[in-house]
């Protein structure tokens, strides 16, 4: 698919099918992303209100036909045993192999930190994921297409490698940046990560009704207190993680129930980007699209006015019990501010989400909260509308295996909420 050549221009929508196409608002000094459509949203190709989903599916099939993914996987599979030389450094097929390398070269972490393998993509092309709720998977007439996509999805995990990284203790940020407290809005502005505290009155985080009724308002209050210049905060959905959960894990979007995730993200990524940070906000304000929180009733003009001022998307993660294994880890903005992100397009029936992935750099500045307590809420920025380079635009993050944890350590049980904060 040929996209527009000019990045950052607003494209006028078809008069019969008006669509919101945000300008690509790159951070000052940031290179263009590795993306389809010259970096612009698939809303550019809206057809009768489908939000560009048909065009995104066509692009997904074209990516498969182009063979870039298969070619990369074949090169990785045919590489000799041992570390794989990449243009970013030595990568490893498995966690244990990378851990052996870390021990062999004697990598060390500062006090409170740890050295461990993190999994990065090595695929420098846009990628596509057709979400499980997409009607294509249930259409008998499209079984051949579904099988092609299924094989491609199965191969996606083969396009990444483990690389060694140092994690610093985020509670000690003031030691690395004198005078900067991890529990401050200044830390979020500078690094894209911070720490808050909350004694929640929510007693059952597996009950989505109770979470919406009690926990969402608690987080909105926390955000407004954390950011004293903010005028409004909206928590719009959440996920619950527990590998060992034995109850009903079924997701029910119509009932605002995300279910329970028994798997953990294990790839360096960010949930939003220059496009989706704005598109997601506007579809919440004007359409309440997949909004689990307070109903929004903004007209398009009112939403544009609200979004003409600064706004941010913040993810907040709160443990249900002290985290022993598979911690949630965050990367600080300055260490990748000049690095292009790689788009992953998530294709729904009614929208095309955009998440981002990043290739490895040895100087990425990673943080964790060792033994994170239930009253500690880690915060990471997924999007900021300020583009002049004066503040962080986002963090990226992943989950990982802590090699210092006991063999019988329980995996993380936590809730992650997603929010917008308006100024």
Protein backbone atom coordinates (compact mmCIF):
# COMPACT_ATOMS: atom_id res chain seq x y z
CA UNK A 1 0.00 0.00 0.00
CA UNK A 2 1.40 3.39 -0.93
CA UNK A 3 0.98 5.95 1.84
CA UNK A 4 1.37 9.71 1.68
CA UNK A 5 4.88 11.06 1.24
CA UNK A 6 4.52 14.11 3.47
CA UNK A 7 4.72 13.37 7.19
CA UNK A 8 2.84 15.61 9.57
CA UNK A 9 0.18 16.89 7.22
CA UNK A 10 -3.52 16.69 8.06
CA UNK A 11 -5.37 14.74 5.39
CA UNK A 12 -8.87 15.87 4.50
CA UNK A 13 -11.38 13.05 4.92
CA UNK A 14 -13.90 11.94 2.34
CA UNK A 15 -17.02 14.09 2.64
CA UNK A 16 -19.23 11.00 2.78
CA UNK A 17 -17.16 9.31 5.47
CA UNK A 18 -15.48 11.92 7.65
CA UNK A 19 -12.67 10.51 9.70
CA UNK A 20 -10.34 12.01 12.27
CA UNK A 21 -6.79 11.76 10.93
CA UNK A 22 -4.36 13.31 13.41
CA UNK A 23 -1.18 14.94 12.20
CA UNK A 24 1.93 12.94 13.03
CA UNK A 25 3.40 15.03 15.82
CA UNK A 26 6.97 13.85 16.15
CA UNK A 27 9.05 15.03 19.06
CA UNK A 28 11.56 17.70 18.10
CA UNK A 29 14.72 15.90 16.96
CA UNK A 30 13.07 12.49 16.69
CA UNK A 31 13.46 10.56 13.41
CA UNK A 32 10.33 9.36 11.56
CA UNK A 33 8.95 6.05 12.80
CA UNK A 34 9.20 2.76 10.98
CA UNK A 35 5.55 2.70 9.96
CA UNK A 36 2.99 2.32 7.20
CA UNK A 37 1.33 5.26 5.45
CA UNK A 38 4.28 7.59 5.90
CA UNK A 39 3.59 7.35 9.62
CA UNK A 40 -0.01 8.55 9.46
CA UNK A 41 -2.95 6.72 11.02
CA UNK A 42 -4.96 4.12 9.09
CA UNK A 43 -7.90 6.46 9.66
CA UNK A 44 -6.51 8.00 6.50
CA UNK A 45 -8.06 5.08 4.60
CA UNK A 46 -11.44 5.07 6.33
CA UNK A 47 -14.11 3.41 4.17
CA UNK A 48 -17.69 4.09 5.14
CA UNK A 49 -16.78 4.46 8.79
CA UNK A 50 -14.58 1.35 9.13
CA UNK A 51 -11.72 3.43 10.65
CA UNK A 52 -9.28 2.01 8.11
CA UNK A 53 -9.62 -1.60 9.27
CA UNK A 54 -10.07 -2.99 5.74
CA UNK A 55 -6.97 -1.17 4.54
CA UNK A 56 -5.01 -2.40 7.56
CA UNK A 57 -5.99 -5.99 6.81
CA UNK A 58 -4.83 -5.54 3.23
CA UNK A 59 -1.52 -4.20 4.55
CA UNK A 60 -1.22 -7.19 6.91
CA UNK A 61 -1.58 -9.62 4.02
CA UNK A 62 0.86 -7.57 1.94
CA UNK A 63 3.42 -7.76 4.74
CA UNK A 64 3.10 -11.56 4.72
CA UNK A 65 3.43 -11.63 0.92
CA UNK A 66 6.53 -9.40 0.99
CA UNK A 67 8.33 -12.10 2.97
CA UNK A 68 10.43 -9.79 5.19
CA UNK A 69 9.38 -11.63 8.34
CA UNK A 70 10.02 -15.09 6.93
CA UNK A 71 13.41 -14.00 5.60
CA UNK A 72 14.47 -12.68 9.02
CA UNK A 73 13.30 -15.83 10.79
CA UNK A 74 15.20 -18.00 8.31
CA UNK A 75 18.38 -15.97 8.92
CA UNK A 76 18.02 -16.33 12.68
CA UNK A 77 17.28 -20.06 12.39
CA UNK A 78 20.31 -20.64 10.17
CA UNK A 79 22.73 -18.71 12.39
CA UNK A 80 25.34 -20.88 14.15
CA UNK A 81 24.70 -21.94 17.76
CA UNK A 82 25.52 -19.33 20.35
CA UNK A 83 25.11 -15.57 20.36
CA UNK A 84 23.85 -13.85 17.23
CA UNK A 85 25.75 -10.80 16.06
CA UNK A 86 23.35 -7.95 15.33
CA UNK A 87 24.02 -4.32 14.44
CA UNK A 88 22.98 -3.42 18.00
CA UNK A 89 25.11 -5.98 19.83
CA UNK A 90 25.05 -9.67 20.74
CA UNK A 91 21.57 -11.15 20.93
CA UNK A 92 20.52 -14.55 22.26
CA UNK A 93 17.75 -16.94 21.27
CA UNK A 94 16.94 -17.89 24.86
CA UNK A 95 16.86 -16.33 28.32
CA UNK A 96 19.23 -18.88 29.88
CA UNK A 97 21.84 -18.45 27.14
CA UNK A 98 21.79 -14.68 27.62
CA UNK A 99 22.04 -15.12 31.40
CA UNK A 100 25.12 -17.32 30.98
CA UNK A 101 26.69 -14.57 28.86
CA UNK A 102 25.91 -11.95 31.54
CA UNK A 103 27.65 -14.08 34.18
CA UNK A 104 30.59 -14.88 31.89
CA UNK A 105 31.43 -11.24 31.18
CA UNK A 106 30.78 -10.18 34.77
CA UNK A 107 28.14 -7.52 34.20
CA UNK A 108 27.24 -5.80 37.45
CA UNK A 109 24.37 -3.62 38.62
CA UNK A 110 24.38 -0.79 41.16
CA UNK A 111 22.94 -1.40 44.63
CA UNK A 112 19.27 -2.38 44.39
CA UNK A 113 19.64 -3.22 40.71
CA UNK A 114 19.96 -6.41 38.72
CA UNK A 115 21.39 -7.50 35.38
CA UNK A 116 19.14 -9.71 33.30
CA UNK A 117 17.99 -10.53 29.75
CA UNK A 118 15.27 -8.42 28.14
CA UNK A 119 13.52 -9.40 24.94
CA UNK A 120 13.59 -6.92 22.03
CA UNK A 121 12.31 -7.14 18.49
CA UNK A 122 14.91 -7.39 15.72
CA UNK A 123 12.28 -6.85 13.00
CA UNK A 124 12.60 -3.35 11.55
CA UNK A 125 9.33 -3.33 9.61
CA UNK A 126 5.77 -2.42 10.58
CA UNK A 127 3.89 -5.43 11.91
CA UNK A 128 0.22 -6.34 12.22
CA UNK A 129 -1.87 -8.22 14.79
CA UNK A 130 -5.50 -9.15 14.19
CA UNK A 131 -7.07 -9.18 17.65
CA UNK A 132 -8.98 -12.24 18.86
CA UNK A 133 -12.32 -10.41 18.82
CA UNK A 134 -12.07 -9.60 15.11
CA UNK A 135 -14.94 -11.17 13.16
CA UNK A 136 -12.52 -12.54 10.57
CA UNK A 137 -11.57 -15.37 12.92
CA UNK A 138 -15.20 -16.57 13.05
CA UNK A 139 -16.09 -16.17 9.35
CA UNK A 140 -16.11 -19.58 7.57
CA UNK A 141 -15.76 -17.83 4.22
CA UNK A 142 -12.42 -16.36 5.35
CA UNK A 143 -10.86 -19.50 6.82
CA UNK A 144 -7.99 -19.46 4.31
CA UNK A 145 -7.17 -15.87 5.26
CA UNK A 146 -7.47 -16.71 8.94
CA UNK A 147 -5.05 -19.61 8.57
CA UNK A 148 -2.52 -17.38 6.80
CA UNK A 149 -2.78 -14.80 9.59
CA UNK A 150 -2.62 -17.52 12.25
CA UNK A 151 0.68 -18.80 10.86
CA UNK A 152 2.02 -15.26 10.74
CA UNK A 153 0.99 -14.66 14.38
CA UNK A 154 2.71 -17.88 15.41
CA UNK A 155 5.93 -16.69 13.75
CA UNK A 156 5.88 -13.25 15.37
CA UNK A 157 7.65 -14.43 18.50
CA UNK A 158 10.57 -15.69 16.40
CA UNK A 159 11.48 -12.14 15.38
CA UNK A 160 12.99 -11.20 18.73
CA UNK A 161 16.12 -11.90 20.74
CA UNK A 162 17.25 -11.50 24.34
CA UNK A 163 19.83 -8.82 25.15
CA UNK A 164 21.59 -8.07 28.46
CA UNK A 165 20.41 -5.02 30.38
CA UNK A 166 20.97 -3.37 33.75
CA UNK A 167 17.90 -2.51 35.84
CA UNK A 168 18.30 0.27 38.40
CA UNK A 169 16.18 0.55 41.53
CA UNK A 170 13.62 3.24 40.71
CA UNK A 171 13.30 4.16 44.38
CA UNK A 172 16.89 5.44 44.11
CA UNK A 173 16.29 7.78 41.15
CA UNK A 174 17.44 10.68 43.34
CA UNK A 175 20.91 9.07 43.44
CA UNK A 176 21.15 9.12 39.65
CA UNK A 177 19.44 12.48 39.21
CA UNK A 178 20.26 14.53 42.33
CA UNK A 179 17.24 16.37 43.66
CA UNK A 180 14.75 14.39 41.57
CA UNK A 181 12.18 12.41 43.56
CA UNK A 182 10.58 9.34 41.94
CA UNK A 183 7.30 10.42 43.56
CA UNK A 184 7.07 13.73 41.72
CA UNK A 185 5.52 15.08 38.52
CA UNK A 186 8.99 16.41 37.67
CA UNK A 187 10.20 12.82 37.49
CA UNK A 188 7.40 11.94 35.09
CA UNK A 189 8.21 14.98 32.94
CA UNK A 190 11.90 14.15 32.84
CA UNK A 191 11.98 10.35 32.70
CA UNK A 192 8.44 9.22 31.84
CA UNK A 193 8.31 7.04 34.99
CA UNK A 194 7.38 7.72 38.60
CA UNK A 195 6.03 6.16 41.79
CA UNK A 196 2.87 6.91 43.76
CA UNK A 197 1.29 5.38 46.89
CA UNK A 198 -2.28 4.27 47.43
CA UNK A 199 -4.13 2.44 50.18
CA UNK A 200 -7.04 1.17 48.11
CA UNK A 201 -10.45 0.31 49.54
CA UNK A 202 -11.06 -2.13 46.69
CA UNK A 203 -11.21 -5.64 48.15
CA UNK A 204 -11.62 -7.78 45.02
CA UNK A 205 -9.67 -6.77 41.94
CA UNK A 206 -11.13 -9.71 40.03
CA UNK A 207 -14.60 -8.12 40.28
CA UNK A 208 -14.69 -5.64 37.39
CA UNK A 209 -17.80 -3.92 38.78
CA UNK A 210 -16.09 -3.23 42.11
CA UNK A 211 -12.92 -2.11 40.32
CA UNK A 212 -14.86 0.41 38.26
CA UNK A 213 -16.89 1.62 41.25
CA UNK A 214 -14.05 1.95 43.78
CA UNK A 215 -10.63 1.70 42.18
CA UNK A 216 -11.18 3.90 39.13
CA UNK A 217 -12.22 6.95 41.24
CA UNK A 218 -9.30 6.29 43.60
CA UNK A 219 -6.85 6.40 40.69
CA UNK A 220 -8.43 9.50 39.21
CA UNK A 221 -8.11 11.23 42.59
CA UNK A 222 -4.48 10.05 42.86
CA UNK A 223 -3.68 11.47 39.41
CA UNK A 224 -5.23 14.86 40.15
CA UNK A 225 -3.28 15.08 43.40
CA UNK A 226 -0.05 13.87 41.76
CA UNK A 227 -0.34 16.42 38.94
CA UNK A 228 -1.51 19.63 40.67
CA UNK A 229 -1.86 21.48 37.36
CA UNK A 230 -4.25 18.87 35.94
CA UNK A 231 -7.92 19.75 35.44
CA UNK A 232 -9.37 16.30 34.68
CA UNK A 233 -8.41 12.62 34.79
CA UNK A 234 -10.17 9.68 33.14
CA UNK A 235 -9.46 6.03 33.90
CA UNK A 236 -10.85 4.15 30.93
CA UNK A 237 -9.93 0.48 31.32
CA UNK A 238 -7.85 -2.04 33.21
CA UNK A 239 -6.22 -5.46 33.04
CA UNK A 240 -5.66 -8.00 35.79
CA UNK A 241 -2.62 -10.31 35.76
CA UNK A 242 -2.27 -13.56 37.67
CA UNK A 243 -0.61 -16.59 36.10
CA UNK A 244 -2.08 -18.96 38.68
CA UNK A 245 -5.67 -17.68 38.76
CA UNK A 246 -8.12 -20.60 38.90
CA UNK A 247 -11.46 -18.78 38.48
CA UNK A 248 -13.29 -17.63 35.38
CA UNK A 249 -10.83 -15.70 33.20
CA UNK A 250 -13.27 -14.89 30.38
CA UNK A 251 -13.13 -11.43 28.83
CA UNK A 252 -16.45 -9.65 28.23
CA UNK A 253 -15.94 -6.24 26.64
CA UNK A 254 -19.67 -5.47 26.61
CA UNK A 255 -19.79 -5.95 30.39
CA UNK A 256 -16.59 -3.92 30.85
CA UNK A 257 -14.86 -7.02 32.16
CA UNK A 258 -11.28 -7.57 30.89
CA UNK A 259 -11.08 -11.07 32.33
CA UNK A 260 -7.81 -12.24 33.88
CA UNK A 261 -4.50 -12.47 32.02
CA UNK A 262 -2.45 -15.55 32.87
CA UNK A 263 0.36 -14.48 30.54
CA UNK A 264 2.73 -11.53 30.93
CA UNK A 265 4.14 -9.20 28.31
CA UNK A 266 7.67 -10.32 27.48
CA UNK A 267 8.67 -7.90 24.71
CA UNK A 268 9.90 -4.33 24.95
CA UNK A 269 7.03 -2.09 23.81
CA UNK A 270 4.86 0.95 24.43
CA UNK A 271 1.05 0.94 24.31
CA UNK A 272 0.64 4.15 22.27
CA UNK A 273 2.45 6.43 19.82
CA UNK A 274 2.17 9.80 18.06
CA UNK A 275 -1.06 8.74 16.33
CA UNK A 276 -2.80 6.41 18.74
CA UNK A 277 -2.25 8.70 21.71
CA UNK A 278 -4.55 11.21 20.04
CA UNK A 279 -6.92 8.81 18.26
CA UNK A 280 -7.54 6.78 21.43
CA UNK A 281 -8.24 9.94 23.43
CA UNK A 282 -10.69 11.34 20.88
CA UNK A 283 -12.61 8.09 20.42
CA UNK A 284 -13.05 7.90 24.20
CA UNK A 285 -14.26 11.49 24.48
CA UNK A 286 -16.63 11.44 21.49
CA UNK A 287 -17.67 7.77 21.17
CA UNK A 288 -16.93 6.11 24.53
CA UNK A 289 -15.30 3.41 22.44
CA UNK A 290 -14.24 0.60 24.80
CA UNK A 291 -14.49 2.98 27.74
CA UNK A 292 -14.86 1.05 31.00
CA UNK A 293 -14.92 4.25 33.04
CA UNK A 294 -17.07 7.38 33.33
CA UNK A 295 -19.25 8.07 30.30
CA UNK A 296 -17.94 10.91 28.14
CA UNK A 297 -20.24 13.13 26.07
CA UNK A 298 -17.99 15.49 24.17
CA UNK A 299 -18.85 16.78 20.74
CA UNK A 300 -16.05 16.64 18.19
CA UNK A 301 -15.49 20.39 18.58
CA UNK A 302 -15.40 20.10 22.37
CA UNK A 303 -12.96 17.19 22.16
CA UNK A 304 -10.71 19.18 19.82
CA UNK A 305 -10.75 22.09 22.27
CA UNK A 306 -9.88 19.81 25.22
CA UNK A 307 -7.10 18.16 23.22
CA UNK A 308 -5.69 21.51 22.08
CA UNK A 309 -4.23 21.82 25.58
CA UNK A 310 -1.69 19.44 27.07
CA UNK A 311 -2.85 15.90 27.84
CA UNK A 312 -1.07 12.67 28.75
CA UNK A 313 -1.80 8.97 28.85
CA UNK A 314 -0.53 7.27 32.02
CA UNK A 315 -0.53 3.56 32.86
CA UNK A 316 -0.56 2.73 36.57
CA UNK A 317 0.30 -0.71 37.96
CA UNK A 318 -0.62 -1.75 41.52
CA UNK A 319 0.29 -5.16 42.97
CA UNK A 320 -2.29 -7.19 44.89
CA UNK A 321 0.55 -8.63 46.94
CA UNK A 322 4.29 -7.99 47.08
CA UNK A 323 5.82 -8.83 43.71
CA UNK A 324 8.24 -11.74 43.90
CA UNK A 325 8.71 -12.76 40.27
CA UNK A 326 8.09 -11.39 36.76
CA UNK A 327 8.31 -7.71 37.72
CA UNK A 328 7.03 -4.88 35.57
CA UNK A 329 10.05 -2.85 34.34
CA UNK A 330 10.21 0.63 32.77
CA UNK A 331 12.66 2.47 30.51
CA UNK A 332 13.40 6.18 30.97
CA UNK A 333 12.78 8.60 28.13
CA UNK A 334 16.16 10.35 27.75
CA UNK A 335 17.88 7.11 26.79
CA UNK A 336 15.79 6.58 23.65
CA UNK A 337 14.50 10.06 22.80
CA UNK A 338 16.30 10.04 19.44
CA UNK A 339 15.37 6.46 18.52
CA UNK A 340 12.71 5.68 15.90
CA UNK A 341 9.90 3.46 17.10
CA UNK A 342 8.49 0.57 15.09
CA UNK A 343 4.73 0.42 14.67
CA UNK A 344 2.62 -2.61 15.44
CA UNK A 345 -0.95 -2.25 14.16
CA UNK A 346 -3.69 -3.99 16.17
CA UNK A 347 -6.67 -4.56 13.91
CA UNK A 348 -10.13 -4.62 15.49
CA UNK A 349 -13.47 -4.62 13.67
CA UNK A 350 -13.97 -0.91 14.33
CA UNK A 351 -10.51 0.58 14.92
CA UNK A 352 -6.81 0.12 14.25
CA UNK A 353 -4.74 0.53 17.37
CA UNK A 354 -1.07 1.42 17.17
CA UNK A 355 1.51 0.19 19.65
CA UNK A 356 5.27 0.49 19.30
CA UNK A 357 8.32 -1.67 19.60
CA UNK A 358 11.98 -0.74 19.91
CA UNK A 359 15.27 -2.34 18.99
CA UNK A 360 17.98 -2.87 21.59
CA UNK A 361 20.50 -0.30 22.71
CA UNK A 362 22.99 -1.08 25.49
CA UNK A 363 22.49 2.38 27.04
CA UNK A 364 18.72 2.13 27.49
CA UNK A 365 18.06 3.32 31.06
CA UNK A 366 15.90 0.66 32.71
CA UNK A 367 14.25 0.81 36.15
CA UNK A 368 12.32 -1.55 38.38
CA UNK A 369 10.77 -1.52 41.82
CA UNK A 370 12.24 -4.59 43.56
CA UNK A 371 9.70 -6.31 45.79
CA UNK A 372 7.04 -3.76 44.82
CA UNK A 373 4.49 -3.52 47.63
CA UNK A 374 0.67 -3.46 47.32
CA UNK A 375 0.54 0.22 48.30
CA UNK A 376 3.14 1.20 45.67
CA UNK A 377 1.77 2.25 42.29
CA UNK A 378 4.28 2.38 39.46
CA UNK A 379 3.41 4.95 36.81
CA UNK A 380 4.62 5.11 33.23
CA UNK A 381 3.85 7.60 30.52
CA UNK A 382 2.45 6.15 27.30
CA UNK A 383 1.85 9.46 25.52
CA UNK A 384 2.32 13.21 25.99
CA UNK A 385 0.96 15.80 23.60
CA UNK A 386 3.93 18.14 24.23
CA UNK A 387 6.34 17.70 21.31
CA UNK A 388 8.99 20.42 21.77
CA UNK A 389 11.39 18.10 23.60
CA UNK A 390 10.95 19.85 26.94
CA UNK A 391 9.32 16.78 28.54
CA UNK A 392 9.31 13.02 28.06
CA UNK A 393 6.92 11.78 25.39
CA UNK A 394 6.61 8.23 26.74
CA UNK A 395 8.34 5.33 28.42
CA UNK A 396 8.54 1.81 27.14
CA UNK A 397 8.21 -1.27 29.28
CA UNK A 398 8.04 -5.04 29.56
CA UNK A 399 7.89 -7.85 32.07
CA UNK A 400 10.90 -10.05 32.80
CA UNK A 401 12.19 -12.96 34.84
CA UNK A 402 14.17 -11.88 37.90
CA UNK A 403 17.17 -14.26 38.22
CA UNK A 404 17.66 -13.29 41.89
CA UNK A 405 14.19 -14.46 42.96
CA UNK A 406 13.79 -17.82 44.76
CA UNK A 407 12.86 -20.76 42.57
CA UNK A 408 9.46 -21.01 44.25
CA UNK A 409 8.67 -17.28 44.04
CA UNK A 410 5.11 -16.43 43.03
CA UNK A 411 4.59 -14.55 39.78
CA UNK A 412 3.25 -11.02 39.85
CA UNK A 413 -0.41 -10.49 40.67
CA UNK A 414 -1.38 -6.96 39.82
CA UNK A 415 -3.87 -4.64 38.21
CA UNK A 416 -2.92 -2.16 35.47
CA UNK A 417 -5.20 0.78 34.73
CA UNK A 418 -4.98 3.10 31.72
CA UNK A 419 -5.82 6.75 31.98
CA UNK A 420 -5.74 10.17 30.39
CA UNK A 421 -4.80 13.29 32.32
CA UNK A 422 -5.80 16.71 30.98
CA UNK A 423 -4.30 20.12 31.77
